[in-house]
């Protein structure tokens, strides 16, 4: 029996992401003293925070090394950061085994050719709207948003909706007066 995309999404326990072109628009801004800035989308950040609060594990696997990326992910509570990775397939496969997850419980979002090997270690594959054509062809779902412009948020929302958690998450924000969710929904799932 072939599972629908929604059924496959409901099984996901780990969302792994590339950085440049996924969490950012792909621009790399470097001065003589090194990388000077990256631009992250707040909607992607809130999406990742929600994913973590609702029990979805989030990992970032990137071929570059950046203190800026480490700082942003620390702010969001993402603890699984792997930088300077040359073989994304091997890293994602290794991480999945360490976490006791099958391939069907792993999703990966990438935007360029160097992300295609990681797709082979994931049961569900996402690509931003502006990904390389080969990556979009290999993806199970291409977001409407471009990388660094809400693509990650759309992927997270799709996963949470598939698990039946999205409306409860929205409702918890509607009840809040401080901008943070309220209620037991987010209790001790970190």
Protein backbone atom coordinates (compact mmCIF):
# COMPACT_ATOMS: atom_id res chain seq x y z
CA UNK A 1 0.00 0.00 0.00
CA UNK A 2 1.35 3.40 -0.98
CA UNK A 3 1.08 6.10 1.67
CA UNK A 4 -0.16 9.56 0.80
CA UNK A 5 2.12 12.56 1.24
CA UNK A 6 0.14 13.59 4.33
CA UNK A 7 0.50 10.10 5.86
CA UNK A 8 4.22 10.13 5.18
CA UNK A 9 4.49 13.62 6.73
CA UNK A 10 2.64 12.45 9.85
CA UNK A 11 5.39 9.89 10.46
CA UNK A 12 8.22 12.47 10.47
CA UNK A 13 10.09 12.85 13.78
CA UNK A 14 13.20 14.71 12.52
CA UNK A 15 13.38 17.67 10.15
CA UNK A 16 16.91 18.29 8.89
CA UNK A 17 17.80 21.45 6.99
CA UNK A 18 20.54 22.98 4.92
CA UNK A 19 21.39 26.64 5.70
CA UNK A 20 22.36 28.72 2.65
CA UNK A 21 19.39 28.81 0.30
CA UNK A 22 17.04 27.21 2.85
CA UNK A 23 17.28 29.13 6.14
CA UNK A 24 18.77 32.08 4.24
CA UNK A 25 18.30 33.43 0.73
CA UNK A 26 21.64 31.93 -0.24
CA UNK A 27 23.64 35.15 -0.09
CA UNK A 28 27.05 34.81 1.52
CA UNK A 29 28.31 38.18 2.74
CA UNK A 30 32.05 38.12 3.43
CA UNK A 31 34.44 40.94 4.25
CA UNK A 32 38.21 40.78 4.71
CA UNK A 33 37.74 39.71 8.34
CA UNK A 34 35.27 36.94 7.44
CA UNK A 35 31.53 36.47 7.22
CA UNK A 36 29.78 39.68 8.23
CA UNK A 37 26.07 38.79 8.18
CA UNK A 38 23.31 36.44 7.10
CA UNK A 39 19.65 37.25 6.83
CA UNK A 40 17.14 34.92 8.52
CA UNK A 41 13.35 35.07 8.23
CA UNK A 42 11.43 35.48 11.50
CA UNK A 43 8.62 33.25 10.17
CA UNK A 44 11.10 30.43 9.67
CA UNK A 45 12.34 31.02 13.21
CA UNK A 46 8.88 30.84 14.73
CA UNK A 47 8.17 27.72 12.70
CA UNK A 48 11.29 26.04 14.06
CA UNK A 49 10.45 27.09 17.62
CA UNK A 50 6.96 25.62 17.23
CA UNK A 51 8.34 22.40 15.75
CA UNK A 52 10.68 21.96 18.71
CA UNK A 53 7.97 22.77 21.26
CA UNK A 54 5.68 20.20 19.68
CA UNK A 55 8.27 17.45 19.88
CA UNK A 56 9.70 17.47 16.35
CA UNK A 57 13.47 17.19 16.36
CA UNK A 58 15.29 19.72 14.19
CA UNK A 59 18.80 19.34 12.82
CA UNK A 60 20.86 21.64 10.63
CA UNK A 61 23.51 20.13 8.37
CA UNK A 62 25.67 22.56 6.42
CA UNK A 63 28.85 22.41 4.40
CA UNK A 64 29.99 25.82 5.70
CA UNK A 65 31.06 26.91 9.17
CA UNK A 66 29.48 30.05 10.58
CA UNK A 67 29.33 31.59 14.05
CA UNK A 68 26.29 33.54 12.83
CA UNK A 69 24.40 30.33 12.08
CA UNK A 70 25.38 28.85 15.45
CA UNK A 71 24.13 31.98 17.24
CA UNK A 72 20.77 32.03 15.42
CA UNK A 73 20.13 28.34 16.01
CA UNK A 74 21.05 28.68 19.68
CA UNK A 75 18.47 31.49 19.96
CA UNK A 76 15.85 29.16 18.48
CA UNK A 77 16.80 26.20 20.68
CA UNK A 78 18.13 24.02 17.84
CA UNK A 79 20.78 21.81 19.44
CA UNK A 80 21.55 19.50 16.51
CA UNK A 81 23.91 21.65 14.43
CA UNK A 82 26.50 20.06 12.19
CA UNK A 83 28.79 22.47 10.32
CA UNK A 84 31.60 21.92 7.83
CA UNK A 85 29.97 18.66 6.70
CA UNK A 86 31.29 17.31 3.42
CA UNK A 87 29.02 14.23 3.19
CA UNK A 88 25.46 15.22 4.11
CA UNK A 89 24.12 11.73 3.36
CA UNK A 90 26.53 10.10 5.83
CA UNK A 91 25.84 12.72 8.53
CA UNK A 92 22.05 12.46 8.20
CA UNK A 93 22.17 8.66 8.08
CA UNK A 94 24.42 8.58 11.17
CA UNK A 95 22.21 11.04 13.06
CA UNK A 96 19.07 9.06 12.22
CA UNK A 97 20.64 5.90 13.61
CA UNK A 98 21.81 7.71 16.77
CA UNK A 99 18.26 8.96 17.34
CA UNK A 100 16.78 5.53 16.61
CA UNK A 101 14.81 6.78 13.62
CA UNK A 102 13.99 4.97 10.40
CA UNK A 103 14.40 6.74 7.07
CA UNK A 104 10.61 7.13 6.93
CA UNK A 105 10.75 9.27 10.09
CA UNK A 106 13.25 11.74 8.61
CA UNK A 107 12.60 14.77 6.39
CA UNK A 108 15.26 16.92 4.74
CA UNK A 109 15.04 20.33 3.07
CA UNK A 110 17.74 21.35 0.62
CA UNK A 111 18.09 23.70 -2.31
CA UNK A 112 21.08 22.73 -4.41
CA UNK A 113 22.92 19.78 -5.93
CA UNK A 114 25.05 19.17 -2.83
CA UNK A 115 21.79 18.41 -0.94
CA UNK A 116 20.73 15.58 -3.25
CA UNK A 117 22.74 12.94 -1.34
CA UNK A 118 20.93 13.89 1.90
CA UNK A 119 17.63 13.33 0.09
CA UNK A 120 18.65 9.66 -0.16
CA UNK A 121 18.77 9.47 3.67
CA UNK A 122 15.30 10.98 4.11
CA UNK A 123 11.82 9.58 3.71
CA UNK A 124 10.37 13.00 2.88
CA UNK A 125 12.13 15.65 0.82
CA UNK A 126 11.38 19.39 0.74
CA UNK A 127 12.76 22.09 -1.56
CA UNK A 128 12.23 25.86 -1.54
CA UNK A 129 10.59 27.44 -4.60
CA UNK A 130 13.93 28.78 -5.85
CA UNK A 131 15.86 25.52 -5.48
CA UNK A 132 17.84 24.09 -8.39
CA UNK A 133 15.56 22.37 -10.87
CA UNK A 134 17.14 18.96 -10.18
CA UNK A 135 16.41 19.36 -6.46
CA UNK A 136 12.81 20.40 -7.09
CA UNK A 137 12.36 17.35 -9.33
CA UNK A 138 13.69 15.06 -6.58
CA UNK A 139 11.59 16.71 -3.83
CA UNK A 140 8.28 15.36 -2.60
CA UNK A 141 7.09 18.88 -1.85
CA UNK A 142 8.27 22.25 -3.20
CA UNK A 143 7.23 25.19 -1.03
CA UNK A 144 5.65 28.31 -2.50
CA UNK A 145 8.17 30.43 -0.57
CA UNK A 146 11.79 30.83 -1.53
CA UNK A 147 14.71 29.94 0.70
CA UNK A 148 15.19 32.43 3.52
CA UNK A 149 11.71 33.81 2.82
CA UNK A 150 9.46 31.42 4.74
CA UNK A 151 10.14 28.09 3.01
CA UNK A 152 11.11 26.40 6.27
CA UNK A 153 7.97 27.74 7.96
CA UNK A 154 5.84 26.22 5.19
CA UNK A 155 7.56 22.85 5.59
CA UNK A 156 7.09 22.90 9.37
CA UNK A 157 3.44 23.92 9.01
CA UNK A 158 2.87 21.05 6.56
CA UNK A 159 4.42 18.55 8.99
CA UNK A 160 2.49 19.86 12.00
CA UNK A 161 -0.79 19.88 10.10
CA UNK A 162 -0.18 16.29 9.02
CA UNK A 163 0.26 15.35 12.69
CA UNK A 164 -2.93 17.22 13.66
CA UNK A 165 -1.04 19.75 15.81
CA UNK A 166 -1.31 22.98 13.84
CA UNK A 167 -4.71 24.24 15.00
CA UNK A 168 -3.87 23.62 18.66
CA UNK A 169 -0.65 25.57 18.21
CA UNK A 170 -2.51 28.49 16.64
CA UNK A 171 -5.16 28.39 19.37
CA UNK A 172 -2.49 28.52 22.07
CA UNK A 173 -1.18 31.77 20.60
CA UNK A 174 -4.70 33.21 20.31
CA UNK A 175 -5.16 32.68 24.07
CA UNK A 176 -1.84 34.31 24.96
CA UNK A 177 -1.42 37.95 25.88
CA UNK A 178 2.40 37.89 25.88
CA UNK A 179 3.15 36.56 22.39
CA UNK A 180 4.13 33.13 23.71
CA UNK A 181 1.84 30.11 23.58
CA UNK A 182 -0.15 29.15 26.65
CA UNK A 183 -1.54 25.92 27.98
CA UNK A 184 -0.30 22.39 28.38
CA UNK A 185 0.18 21.90 24.65
CA UNK A 186 3.79 23.06 24.99
CA UNK A 187 4.37 21.70 28.52
CA UNK A 188 7.48 19.53 28.62
CA UNK A 189 8.02 18.52 25.01
CA UNK A 190 11.42 20.13 24.60
